[in-house]
């Protein structure tokens, strides 16, 4: 009754029609004669080979969000790219970094002689940071 899906294939996703659930076959236990499965929500289960033949099953496409059964997936692990870079962009030299002027740099400070010392102060701060 499994609608012609045949033998279980490791890595294949299946739809169980009577429950509306999808699962993936993850392995076989030849000694026990069972098929190991993992549901989309992460639950692990086994189905014996006799039950497999009578289950109302159909082939299913993998879910778009395959991270359901996986714990602690980092966004970087998903393989998505948020950049619009091309291969040629990696070969381009970096543009020089020009830091924006800070608010304190625009404030004029006068010394005892009445001279403005903005540049001297800014240079001293830059050297202290580096």
C-alpha atoms as a PDB file:
ATOM      1  CA  UNK A   1       0.000   0.000   0.000  1.00  0.00           C
ATOM      2  CA  UNK A   2       2.981   2.341   0.074  1.00  0.00           C
ATOM      3  CA  UNK A   3       1.923   3.620  -3.357  1.00  0.00           C
ATOM      4  CA  UNK A   4       4.928   2.320  -5.222  1.00  0.00           C
ATOM      5  CA  UNK A   5       7.699   4.042  -3.280  1.00  0.00           C
ATOM      6  CA  UNK A   6       9.424   0.671  -3.033  1.00  0.00           C
ATOM      7  CA  UNK A   7      12.214  -0.045  -0.614  1.00  0.00           C
ATOM      8  CA  UNK A   8      13.361   2.652   1.762  1.00  0.00           C
ATOM      9  CA  UNK A   9      16.314   4.706   0.525  1.00  0.00           C
ATOM     10  CA  UNK A  10      18.657   6.456   2.924  1.00  0.00           C
ATOM     11  CA  UNK A  11      18.466  10.223   2.478  1.00  0.00           C
ATOM     12  CA  UNK A  12      15.058  10.127   0.747  1.00  0.00           C
ATOM     13  CA  UNK A  13      12.165  12.130   2.210  1.00  0.00           C
ATOM     14  CA  UNK A  14       8.744  10.471   2.411  1.00  0.00           C
ATOM     15  CA  UNK A  15       5.237  11.683   3.146  1.00  0.00           C
ATOM     16  CA  UNK A  16       3.054   9.550   5.378  1.00  0.00           C
ATOM     17  CA  UNK A  17      -0.415  10.194   3.909  1.00  0.00           C
ATOM     18  CA  UNK A  18      -2.442   9.068   6.921  1.00  0.00           C
ATOM     19  CA  UNK A  19      -0.653  11.462   9.318  1.00  0.00           C
ATOM     20  CA  UNK A  20       0.415  14.202   6.910  1.00  0.00           C
ATOM     21  CA  UNK A  21       3.978  13.989   8.226  1.00  0.00           C
ATOM     22  CA  UNK A  22       7.209  14.003   6.315  1.00  0.00           C
ATOM     23  CA  UNK A  23      10.293  12.130   7.389  1.00  0.00           C
ATOM     24  CA  UNK A  24      13.686  11.131   6.089  1.00  0.00           C
ATOM     25  CA  UNK A  25      15.164   7.655   6.102  1.00  0.00           C
ATOM     26  CA  UNK A  26      18.432   7.848   8.024  1.00  0.00           C
ATOM     27  CA  UNK A  27      19.548   4.226   8.135  1.00  0.00           C
ATOM     28  CA  UNK A  28      18.838   0.509   8.265  1.00  0.00           C
ATOM     29  CA  UNK A  29      19.296  -1.934  11.103  1.00  0.00           C
ATOM     30  CA  UNK A  30      19.744  -5.192   9.226  1.00  0.00           C
ATOM     31  CA  UNK A  31      19.898  -7.335  12.366  1.00  0.00           C
ATOM     32  CA  UNK A  32      16.611  -5.996  13.708  1.00  0.00           C
ATOM     33  CA  UNK A  33      15.042  -5.616  10.255  1.00  0.00           C
ATOM     34  CA  UNK A  34      14.089  -1.999  10.870  1.00  0.00           C
ATOM     35  CA  UNK A  35      14.282   1.249   8.940  1.00  0.00           C
ATOM     36  CA  UNK A  36      15.508   4.238  10.950  1.00  0.00           C
ATOM     37  CA  UNK A  37      13.734   7.516  10.264  1.00  0.00           C
ATOM     38  CA  UNK A  38      13.840  11.103  11.462  1.00  0.00           C
ATOM     39  CA  UNK A  39      10.786  13.331  11.322  1.00  0.00           C
ATOM     40  CA  UNK A  40      11.075  16.976  10.336  1.00  0.00           C
ATOM     41  CA  UNK A  41      10.660  18.015  13.986  1.00  0.00           C
ATOM     42  CA  UNK A  42      13.687  15.916  14.946  1.00  0.00           C
ATOM     43  CA  UNK A  43      11.935  12.871  16.422  1.00  0.00           C
ATOM     44  CA  UNK A  44      13.725   9.601  15.740  1.00  0.00           C
ATOM     45  CA  UNK A  45      11.808   6.386  15.132  1.00  0.00           C
ATOM     46  CA  UNK A  46      12.038   2.938  13.575  1.00  0.00           C
ATOM     47  CA  UNK A  47       9.690   1.148  11.223  1.00  0.00           C
ATOM     48  CA  UNK A  48       9.958  -2.580  10.679  1.00  0.00           C
ATOM     49  CA  UNK A  49      10.172  -3.747   7.060  1.00  0.00           C
ATOM     50  CA  UNK A  50       6.737  -5.442   7.136  1.00  0.00           C
ATOM     51  CA  UNK A  51       5.073  -2.219   8.316  1.00  0.00           C
ATOM     52  CA  UNK A  52       6.975  -0.228   5.678  1.00  0.00           C
ATOM     53  CA  UNK A  53       5.310  -2.242   2.915  1.00  0.00           C
ATOM     54  CA  UNK A  54       1.777  -1.417   4.125  1.00  0.00           C
ATOM     55  CA  UNK A  55       2.180   2.220   5.161  1.00  0.00           C
ATOM     56  CA  UNK A  56       0.455   4.825   2.967  1.00  0.00           C
ATOM     57  CA  UNK A  57       3.630   6.536   1.760  1.00  0.00           C
ATOM     58  CA  UNK A  58       4.608   8.822  -1.054  1.00  0.00           C
ATOM     59  CA  UNK A  59       7.870  10.421  -2.070  1.00  0.00           C
ATOM     60  CA  UNK A  60       8.352  13.946  -0.764  1.00  0.00           C
ATOM     61  CA  UNK A  61      10.683  16.760  -1.660  1.00  0.00           C
ATOM     62  CA  UNK A  62      13.030  17.873   1.115  1.00  0.00           C
ATOM     63  CA  UNK A  63      11.558  20.726   3.150  1.00  0.00           C
ATOM     64  CA  UNK A  64      12.694  24.187   2.150  1.00  0.00           C
ATOM     65  CA  UNK A  65      13.815  24.836   5.714  1.00  0.00           C
ATOM     66  CA  UNK A  66      15.794  21.693   6.459  1.00  0.00           C
ATOM     67  CA  UNK A  67      16.952  23.005   9.840  1.00  0.00           C
ATOM     68  CA  UNK A  68      13.883  21.733  11.712  1.00  0.00           C
ATOM     69  CA  UNK A  69      15.482  18.629  13.214  1.00  0.00           C
ATOM     70  CA  UNK A  70      18.907  20.209  13.677  1.00  0.00           C
ATOM     71  CA  UNK A  71      19.922  21.982  16.883  1.00  0.00           C
ATOM     72  CA  UNK A  72      22.072  25.099  17.057  1.00  0.00           C
ATOM     73  CA  UNK A  73      22.450  25.951  13.385  1.00  0.00           C
ATOM     74  CA  UNK A  74      24.303  29.179  12.823  1.00  0.00           C
ATOM     75  CA  UNK A  75      23.113  31.391   9.965  1.00  0.00           C
ATOM     76  CA  UNK A  76      26.582  31.137   8.389  1.00  0.00           C
ATOM     77  CA  UNK A  77      26.215  27.337   8.241  1.00  0.00           C
ATOM     78  CA  UNK A  78      23.201  27.585   5.954  1.00  0.00           C
ATOM     79  CA  UNK A  79      25.253  28.593   2.925  1.00  0.00           C
ATOM     80  CA  UNK A  80      23.218  31.722   2.285  1.00  0.00           C
ATOM     81  CA  UNK A  81      25.134  34.695   1.040  1.00  0.00           C
ATOM     82  CA  UNK A  82      24.059  38.246   1.735  1.00  0.00           C
ATOM     83  CA  UNK A  83      26.709  39.875  -0.410  1.00  0.00           C
ATOM     84  CA  UNK A  84      26.450  40.962  -3.993  1.00  0.00           C
ATOM     85  CA  UNK A  85      30.132  40.289  -4.587  1.00  0.00           C
ATOM     86  CA  UNK A  86      31.475  38.573  -7.674  1.00  0.00           C
ATOM     87  CA  UNK A  87      34.752  36.761  -8.119  1.00  0.00           C
ATOM     88  CA  UNK A  88      36.364  39.828  -9.674  1.00  0.00           C
ATOM     89  CA  UNK A  89      35.519  41.873  -6.580  1.00  0.00           C
ATOM     90  CA  UNK A  90      37.873  39.758  -4.485  1.00  0.00           C
ATOM     91  CA  UNK A  91      40.809  40.699  -6.700  1.00  0.00           C
ATOM     92  CA  UNK A  92      40.233  44.453  -6.409  1.00  0.00           C
ATOM     93  CA  UNK A  93      42.478  46.350  -3.981  1.00  0.00           C
ATOM     94  CA  UNK A  94      40.836  47.692  -0.859  1.00  0.00           C
ATOM     95  CA  UNK A  95      39.706  51.283  -0.900  1.00  0.00           C
ATOM     96  CA  UNK A  96      41.582  53.462   1.588  1.00  0.00           C
ATOM     97  CA  UNK A  97      39.747  53.934   4.862  1.00  0.00           C
ATOM     98  CA  UNK A  98      38.978  57.507   5.672  1.00  0.00           C
ATOM     99  CA  UNK A  99      37.439  57.757   9.128  1.00  0.00           C
ATOM    100  CA  UNK A 100      34.740  60.344   9.615  1.00  0.00           C
ATOM    101  CA  UNK A 101      35.585  63.252  11.826  1.00  0.00           C
ATOM    102  CA  UNK A 102      34.418  62.808  15.368  1.00  0.00           C
ATOM    103  CA  UNK A 103      32.390  65.500  17.111  1.00  0.00           C
ATOM    104  CA  UNK A 104      35.221  66.221  19.530  1.00  0.00           C
ATOM    105  CA  UNK A 105      37.602  66.869  16.625  1.00  0.00           C
ATOM    106  CA  UNK A 106      35.463  69.763  15.444  1.00  0.00           C
ATOM    107  CA  UNK A 107      35.669  71.500  18.820  1.00  0.00           C
ATOM    108  CA  UNK A 108      38.308  74.155  18.835  1.00  0.00           C
ATOM    109  CA  UNK A 109      40.647  74.302  21.762  1.00  0.00           C
ATOM    110  CA  UNK A 110      42.759  77.352  22.301  1.00  0.00           C
ATOM    111  CA  UNK A 111      45.998  77.322  24.152  1.00  0.00           C
ATOM    112  CA  UNK A 112      47.381  80.072  26.357  1.00  0.00           C
ATOM    113  CA  UNK A 113      48.687  81.773  23.270  1.00  0.00           C
ATOM    114  CA  UNK A 114      45.205  81.880  21.674  1.00  0.00           C
ATOM    115  CA  UNK A 115      46.234  79.452  18.917  1.00  0.00           C
ATOM    116  CA  UNK A 116      43.972  76.593  17.836  1.00  0.00           C
ATOM    117  CA  UNK A 117      45.433  73.175  18.671  1.00  0.00           C
ATOM    118  CA  UNK A 118      42.820  70.938  17.018  1.00  0.00           C
ATOM    119  CA  UNK A 119      45.217  69.146  14.711  1.00  0.00           C
ATOM    120  CA  UNK A 120      47.775  68.573  17.476  1.00  0.00           C
ATOM    121  CA  UNK A 121      45.129  67.063  19.758  1.00  0.00           C
ATOM    122  CA  UNK A 122      43.656  64.924  16.983  1.00  0.00           C
ATOM    123  CA  UNK A 123      47.126  63.605  16.096  1.00  0.00           C
ATOM    124  CA  UNK A 124      47.866  62.811  19.743  1.00  0.00           C
ATOM    125  CA  UNK A 125      44.596  60.892  20.055  1.00  0.00           C
ATOM    126  CA  UNK A 126      45.266  58.955  16.838  1.00  0.00           C
ATOM    127  CA  UNK A 127      48.698  57.958  18.080  1.00  0.00           C
ATOM    128  CA  UNK A 128      47.307  56.917  21.466  1.00  0.00           C
ATOM    129  CA  UNK A 129      44.685  54.694  19.825  1.00  0.00           C
ATOM    130  CA  UNK A 130      47.174  52.970  17.526  1.00  0.00           C
END
